[in-house]
Each structure stands twice: as C-alpha cells, then as structure tokens.
Amino acid sequence: PLQVQLINDAYNVVIDAILGADAEPGEVKEPYASILGTLKQIRIPIISLDVPSGWDVETGNSEGISPDILVSLTAPKQCATRFLGRHHFLAGRFLPYDVQKKFELNLPEYSGTECVVSL
C-alpha cells in the first residue's frame, strides 16, 4: 500500500529490496518513485538489503530512504560508510577465498565459524 498511516498501523517492519545496486538514483521511474516517497514518511523500521533504495552505490544517500538496518550482501558497498542506522549486518561471511582475493576483500574474522568447511 502507498498509504503511510496504513503501513504504520498494519506492519512492524518494511523490507526494502526495491532497487538493486545497479539502479541510478536520479532515474527512478514509477511506480518506484511513489514507493520511495512513501517509505521516506513511514515511522516503522526499514531493513534495506545491500544498498538502500534511492542511494548511489558509491556516494550514499542522495534522495533515498533512511533505513534502520542495513544487510550487506557479499561485502559492504562503498555507500555503507554513510549508513547512520542502528544495525549493519554482513551476509558475506562464507565467501570462498579466491573470491575474497580477486576483489581484494578484507572481511572480518567470524568467531564460532571454525567448523564451516568449504567444498
């Protein structure tokens, strides 16, 4: 729904997976522009996947939403340095070593995952 009050009353959280990392913030067309306008007004928490909708993947929030939680896929994008929400989760903890090396990723160690075996 596009009604702000209806979303605030009916839901506890919104998952933002509207636009991908390849989306150009200045080129958002309908119906996505209206959806982003609504998301900017809601009071309930927003969880964004990878890059918050409306953000530039490198420079961050231009005209995008302000999520409470960011879940970075594979590795954080450059725009994550401008994330001001409550929690930032990294979902790329099981990347193969060759992928980490190829993209020069310096991912943190994850204690408690020593039993994970790569095949």
N, C-alpha and C. Protein backbone atom coordinates (compact mmCIF):
# COMPACT_ATOMS: atom_id res chain seq x y z
N PRO A 1 0.83 -1.21 0.00
CA PRO A 1 0.00 0.00 0.00
C PRO A 1 0.86 1.25 0.00
N LEU A 2 0.34 2.31 -0.55
CA LEU A 2 1.06 3.58 -0.57
C LEU A 2 0.62 4.53 0.53
N GLN A 3 -0.36 4.13 1.35
CA GLN A 3 -0.84 4.99 2.41
C GLN A 3 0.06 4.84 3.63
N VAL A 4 0.72 5.92 4.02
CA VAL A 4 1.69 5.91 5.11
C VAL A 4 1.05 5.40 6.40
N GLN A 5 -0.10 5.93 6.77
CA GLN A 5 -0.73 5.53 8.03
C GLN A 5 -1.11 4.06 8.03
N LEU A 6 -1.57 3.55 6.90
CA LEU A 6 -1.93 2.13 6.80
C LEU A 6 -0.70 1.25 7.04
N ILE A 7 0.42 1.61 6.47
CA ILE A 7 1.65 0.84 6.66
C ILE A 7 2.08 0.91 8.12
N ASN A 8 2.08 2.09 8.70
CA ASN A 8 2.47 2.24 10.11
C ASN A 8 1.58 1.43 11.04
N ASP A 9 0.30 1.36 10.74
CA ASP A 9 -0.65 0.65 11.61
C ASP A 9 -0.65 -0.86 11.39
N ALA A 10 -0.44 -1.30 10.16
CA ALA A 10 -0.62 -2.72 9.82
C ALA A 10 0.65 -3.56 9.91
N TYR A 11 1.82 -2.93 9.90
CA TYR A 11 3.07 -3.68 9.83
C TYR A 11 4.03 -3.27 10.93
N ASN A 12 4.98 -4.16 11.22
CA ASN A 12 6.01 -3.88 12.23
C ASN A 12 7.34 -3.48 11.61
N VAL A 13 7.54 -3.86 10.35
CA VAL A 13 8.80 -3.58 9.66
C VAL A 13 8.56 -3.63 8.16
N VAL A 14 9.39 -2.92 7.40
CA VAL A 14 9.34 -2.96 5.94
C VAL A 14 10.70 -3.44 5.45
N ILE A 15 10.69 -4.40 4.54
CA ILE A 15 11.92 -4.88 3.91
C ILE A 15 12.08 -4.12 2.60
N ASP A 16 13.19 -3.41 2.49
CA ASP A 16 13.49 -2.64 1.28
C ASP A 16 14.41 -3.46 0.39
N ALA A 17 13.84 -4.00 -0.66
CA ALA A 17 14.60 -4.71 -1.69
C ALA A 17 14.06 -4.27 -3.05
N ILE A 18 13.73 -2.99 -3.14
CA ILE A 18 13.04 -2.44 -4.31
C ILE A 18 13.99 -2.24 -5.47
N LEU A 19 15.06 -1.50 -5.23
CA LEU A 19 16.02 -1.19 -6.29
C LEU A 19 17.33 -1.91 -6.00
N GLY A 20 17.99 -2.39 -7.01
CA GLY A 20 19.27 -3.07 -6.84
C GLY A 20 20.43 -2.10 -6.81
N ALA A 21 21.63 -2.65 -6.61
CA ALA A 21 22.84 -1.83 -6.53
C ALA A 21 23.14 -1.14 -7.86
N ASP A 22 22.61 -1.65 -8.96
CA ASP A 22 22.87 -1.06 -10.27
C ASP A 22 21.92 0.09 -10.61
N ALA A 23 20.92 0.32 -9.77
CA ALA A 23 19.93 1.37 -10.06
C ALA A 23 20.57 2.75 -9.92
N GLU A 24 20.23 3.63 -10.83
CA GLU A 24 20.70 5.02 -10.79
C GLU A 24 19.69 5.84 -10.00
N PRO A 25 20.10 6.45 -8.88
CA PRO A 25 19.15 7.18 -8.04
C PRO A 25 18.35 8.26 -8.76
N GLY A 26 18.94 8.99 -9.67
CA GLY A 26 18.24 10.06 -10.36
C GLY A 26 17.30 9.58 -11.45
N GLU A 27 17.31 8.29 -11.74
CA GLU A 27 16.50 7.75 -12.82
C GLU A 27 15.38 6.83 -12.33
N VAL A 28 14.92 7.01 -11.11
CA VAL A 28 13.87 6.18 -10.55
C VAL A 28 12.54 6.55 -11.19
N LYS A 29 11.90 5.58 -11.81
CA LYS A 29 10.64 5.80 -12.50
C LYS A 29 9.49 5.21 -11.69
N GLU A 30 8.28 5.52 -12.09
CA GLU A 30 7.08 4.97 -11.46
C GLU A 30 6.97 3.49 -11.76
N PRO A 31 6.47 2.70 -10.86
CA PRO A 31 5.85 3.07 -9.58
C PRO A 31 6.86 3.24 -8.44
N TYR A 32 8.14 3.02 -8.72
CA TYR A 32 9.16 3.03 -7.68
C TYR A 32 9.34 4.40 -7.03
N ALA A 33 9.22 5.46 -7.78
CA ALA A 33 9.37 6.80 -7.21
C ALA A 33 8.31 7.06 -6.13
N SER A 34 7.07 6.63 -6.39
CA SER A 34 6.00 6.80 -5.41
C SER A 34 6.24 5.94 -4.17
N ILE A 35 6.73 4.73 -4.40
CA ILE A 35 7.01 3.82 -3.28
C ILE A 35 8.10 4.42 -2.39
N LEU A 36 9.16 4.95 -3.01
CA LEU A 36 10.24 5.57 -2.22
C LEU A 36 9.72 6.77 -1.45
N GLY A 37 8.84 7.56 -2.08
CA GLY A 37 8.25 8.70 -1.40
C GLY A 37 7.48 8.28 -0.16
N THR A 38 6.76 7.18 -0.26
CA THR A 38 6.01 6.66 0.89
C THR A 38 6.97 6.17 1.96
N LEU A 39 8.01 5.42 1.57
CA LEU A 39 8.95 4.88 2.55
C LEU A 39 9.69 5.97 3.32
N LYS A 40 9.87 7.11 2.72
CA LYS A 40 10.54 8.23 3.40
C LYS A 40 9.69 8.78 4.54
N GLN A 41 8.39 8.49 4.53
CA GLN A 41 7.47 9.06 5.51
C GLN A 41 7.06 8.11 6.62
N ILE A 42 7.30 6.82 6.48
CA ILE A 42 6.81 5.87 7.49
C ILE A 42 7.62 5.96 8.77
N ARG A 43 7.01 5.49 9.87
CA ARG A 43 7.66 5.53 11.19
C ARG A 43 8.20 4.18 11.61
N ILE A 44 7.73 3.11 11.02
CA ILE A 44 8.21 1.78 11.42
C ILE A 44 9.60 1.53 10.83
N PRO A 45 10.35 0.59 11.42
CA PRO A 45 11.71 0.34 10.93
C PRO A 45 11.74 -0.18 9.49
N ILE A 46 12.79 0.23 8.79
CA ILE A 46 13.05 -0.26 7.43
C ILE A 46 14.34 -1.04 7.46
N ILE A 47 14.32 -2.22 6.85
CA ILE A 47 15.52 -3.04 6.69
C ILE A 47 15.86 -3.05 5.21
N SER A 48 17.02 -2.49 4.86
CA SER A 48 17.44 -2.43 3.46
C SER A 48 18.42 -3.55 3.15
N LEU A 49 18.24 -4.17 1.99
CA LEU A 49 19.15 -5.21 1.53
C LEU A 49 20.18 -4.63 0.58
N ASP A 50 21.43 -4.76 0.93
CA ASP A 50 22.61 -4.41 0.14
C ASP A 50 22.83 -2.91 -0.02
N VAL A 51 21.96 -2.23 -0.76
CA VAL A 51 22.06 -0.78 -0.95
C VAL A 51 20.66 -0.22 -0.73
N PRO A 52 20.50 0.71 0.22
CA PRO A 52 19.16 1.28 0.43
C PRO A 52 18.62 1.89 -0.86
N SER A 53 17.36 1.66 -1.13
CA SER A 53 16.74 2.17 -2.35
C SER A 53 16.83 3.68 -2.41
N GLY A 54 17.25 4.17 -3.57
CA GLY A 54 17.42 5.59 -3.78
C GLY A 54 18.84 6.07 -3.51
N TRP A 55 19.71 5.19 -3.02
CA TRP A 55 21.10 5.56 -2.73
C TRP A 55 21.98 5.26 -3.93
N ASP A 56 23.00 6.06 -4.11
CA ASP A 56 24.05 5.76 -5.06
C ASP A 56 24.97 4.73 -4.40
N VAL A 57 25.35 3.70 -5.14
CA VAL A 57 26.13 2.60 -4.57
C VAL A 57 27.49 3.06 -4.03
N GLU A 58 28.01 4.15 -4.55
CA GLU A 58 29.31 4.64 -4.08
C GLU A 58 29.20 5.82 -3.12
N THR A 59 28.39 6.80 -3.46
CA THR A 59 28.38 8.04 -2.67
C THR A 59 27.33 8.06 -1.57
N GLY A 60 26.38 7.15 -1.59
CA GLY A 60 25.42 7.07 -0.50
C GLY A 60 24.10 7.73 -0.78
N ASN A 61 23.51 8.30 0.27
CA ASN A 61 22.15 8.80 0.25
C ASN A 61 22.05 10.14 -0.47
N SER A 62 21.42 10.12 -1.62
CA SER A 62 21.15 11.38 -2.32
C SER A 62 19.71 11.78 -2.02
N GLU A 63 18.80 11.02 -2.53
CA GLU A 63 17.37 11.27 -2.30
C GLU A 63 16.70 10.00 -1.79
N GLY A 64 17.47 9.09 -1.23
CA GLY A 64 16.95 7.79 -0.83
C GLY A 64 16.34 7.76 0.55
N ILE A 65 16.00 6.56 0.96
CA ILE A 65 15.39 6.34 2.26
C ILE A 65 16.46 6.28 3.34
N SER A 66 16.03 6.28 4.59
CA SER A 66 16.94 6.19 5.74
C SER A 66 16.59 4.94 6.54
N PRO A 67 17.17 3.80 6.18
CA PRO A 67 16.81 2.56 6.88
C PRO A 67 17.39 2.50 8.29
N ASP A 68 16.73 1.70 9.13
CA ASP A 68 17.21 1.45 10.49
C ASP A 68 18.27 0.36 10.49
N ILE A 69 18.14 -0.57 9.54
CA ILE A 69 19.04 -1.72 9.46
C ILE A 69 19.48 -1.89 8.02
N LEU A 70 20.77 -2.18 7.84
CA LEU A 70 21.33 -2.47 6.52
C LEU A 70 21.92 -3.87 6.55
N VAL A 71 21.55 -4.69 5.59
CA VAL A 71 22.12 -6.03 5.44
C VAL A 71 22.93 -6.02 4.16
N SER A 72 24.25 -6.00 4.31
CA SER A 72 25.14 -6.00 3.14
C SER A 72 25.29 -7.43 2.63
N LEU A 73 25.13 -7.60 1.34
CA LEU A 73 25.27 -8.91 0.71
C LEU A 73 26.67 -9.02 0.13
N THR A 74 27.31 -10.13 0.29
CA THR A 74 28.67 -10.41 -0.14
C THR A 74 29.68 -9.59 0.65
N ALA A 75 29.67 -8.29 0.48
CA ALA A 75 30.56 -7.37 1.22
C ALA A 75 29.89 -6.00 1.22
N PRO A 76 30.20 -5.16 2.21
CA PRO A 76 29.60 -3.82 2.22
C PRO A 76 30.01 -3.02 0.99
N LYS A 77 29.07 -2.27 0.45
CA LYS A 77 29.35 -1.37 -0.66
C LYS A 77 29.89 -0.07 -0.10
N GLN A 78 30.49 0.74 -0.94
CA GLN A 78 31.09 2.00 -0.50
C GLN A 78 30.08 2.89 0.23
N CYS A 79 28.83 2.87 -0.22
CA CYS A 79 27.82 3.72 0.40
C CYS A 79 27.56 3.37 1.86
N ALA A 80 27.91 2.16 2.29
CA ALA A 80 27.67 1.75 3.68
C ALA A 80 28.43 2.63 4.67
N THR A 81 29.46 3.33 4.22
CA THR A 81 30.19 4.22 5.12
C THR A 81 29.33 5.41 5.54
N ARG A 82 28.25 5.66 4.83
CA ARG A 82 27.35 6.77 5.15
C ARG A 82 26.06 6.31 5.85
N PHE A 83 26.00 5.03 6.15
CA PHE A 83 24.83 4.46 6.83
C PHE A 83 24.80 4.92 8.28
N LEU A 84 23.68 5.50 8.71
CA LEU A 84 23.56 6.04 10.06
C LEU A 84 22.51 5.30 10.90
N GLY A 85 22.03 4.17 10.42
CA GLY A 85 21.01 3.42 11.14
C GLY A 85 21.55 2.70 12.37
N ARG A 86 20.69 1.89 12.99
CA ARG A 86 21.03 1.23 14.24
C ARG A 86 21.95 0.02 14.08
N HIS A 87 21.73 -0.80 13.03
CA HIS A 87 22.48 -2.03 12.88
C HIS A 87 22.90 -2.24 11.43
N HIS A 88 24.11 -2.76 11.26
CA HIS A 88 24.62 -3.12 9.93
C HIS A 88 25.10 -4.56 10.01
N PHE A 89 24.46 -5.43 9.24
CA PHE A 89 24.80 -6.84 9.22
C PHE A 89 25.51 -7.18 7.91
N LEU A 90 26.46 -8.09 8.00
CA LEU A 90 27.21 -8.54 6.83
C LEU A 90 26.82 -9.97 6.52
N ALA A 91 26.28 -10.22 5.33
CA ALA A 91 25.85 -11.55 4.95
C ALA A 91 26.89 -12.28 4.11
N GLY A 92 28.07 -11.71 3.94
CA GLY A 92 29.09 -12.31 3.08
C GLY A 92 30.14 -13.11 3.81
N ARG A 93 29.79 -13.71 4.90
CA ARG A 93 30.79 -14.36 5.73
C ARG A 93 31.28 -15.69 5.20
N PHE A 94 30.68 -16.24 4.18
CA PHE A 94 31.10 -17.53 3.67
C PHE A 94 31.60 -17.44 2.23
N LEU A 95 32.23 -16.35 1.89
CA LEU A 95 32.77 -16.19 0.55
C LEU A 95 34.02 -17.04 0.38
N PRO A 96 34.14 -17.73 -0.74
CA PRO A 96 35.35 -18.51 -0.98
C PRO A 96 36.59 -17.61 -1.00
N TYR A 97 37.71 -18.17 -0.59
CA TYR A 97 38.94 -17.40 -0.52
C TYR A 97 39.30 -16.77 -1.86
N ASP A 98 39.13 -17.51 -2.97
CA ASP A 98 39.50 -16.96 -4.28
C ASP A 98 38.66 -15.73 -4.64
N VAL A 99 37.41 -15.68 -4.23
CA VAL A 99 36.57 -14.51 -4.47
C VAL A 99 37.05 -13.34 -3.61
N GLN A 100 37.36 -13.62 -2.36
CA GLN A 100 37.88 -12.57 -1.48
C GLN A 100 39.18 -11.99 -2.04
N LYS A 101 40.05 -12.86 -2.54
CA LYS A 101 41.33 -12.40 -3.08
C LYS A 101 41.14 -11.61 -4.37
N LYS A 102 40.28 -12.12 -5.27
CA LYS A 102 40.05 -11.46 -6.56
C LYS A 102 39.57 -10.02 -6.38
N PHE A 103 38.67 -9.81 -5.44
CA PHE A 103 38.09 -8.48 -5.24
C PHE A 103 38.76 -7.72 -4.10
N GLU A 104 39.88 -8.26 -3.62
CA GLU A 104 40.66 -7.62 -2.55
C GLU A 104 39.80 -7.26 -1.35
N LEU A 105 38.97 -8.22 -0.94
CA LEU A 105 38.10 -8.00 0.21
C LEU A 105 38.86 -8.32 1.49
N ASN A 106 38.74 -7.46 2.46
CA ASN A 106 39.35 -7.67 3.76
C ASN A 106 38.23 -7.86 4.77
N LEU A 107 37.63 -9.05 4.76
CA LEU A 107 36.47 -9.32 5.60
C LEU A 107 36.91 -9.69 7.01
N PRO A 108 36.10 -9.36 8.00
CA PRO A 108 36.46 -9.68 9.38
C PRO A 108 36.41 -11.18 9.64
N GLU A 109 37.13 -11.60 10.67
CA GLU A 109 37.04 -12.99 11.12
C GLU A 109 35.73 -13.16 11.87
N TYR A 110 35.15 -14.34 11.78
CA TYR A 110 33.90 -14.62 12.47
C TYR A 110 34.14 -15.75 13.45
N SER A 111 34.22 -15.41 14.73
CA SER A 111 34.44 -16.45 15.73
C SER A 111 33.24 -17.38 15.77
N GLY A 112 33.51 -18.64 16.02
CA GLY A 112 32.44 -19.64 16.08
C GLY A 112 32.12 -20.27 14.74
N THR A 113 32.85 -19.91 13.68
CA THR A 113 32.58 -20.49 12.37
C THR A 113 33.72 -21.41 11.91
N GLU A 114 34.58 -21.79 12.86
CA GLU A 114 35.73 -22.63 12.50
C GLU A 114 35.30 -23.98 11.96
N CYS A 115 34.10 -24.44 12.29
CA CYS A 115 33.64 -25.74 11.86
C CYS A 115 33.09 -25.72 10.43
N VAL A 116 32.98 -24.55 9.82
CA VAL A 116 32.48 -24.43 8.46
C VAL A 116 33.54 -24.92 7.49
N VAL A 117 33.14 -25.79 6.58
CA VAL A 117 34.08 -26.37 5.62
C VAL A 117 33.70 -25.93 4.23
N SER A 118 34.65 -25.40 3.48
CA SER A 118 34.41 -25.03 2.08
C SER A 118 34.69 -26.24 1.21
N LEU A 119 33.81 -26.48 0.26
CA LEU A 119 33.99 -27.63 -0.65
C LEU A 119 34.48 -27.17 -1.99
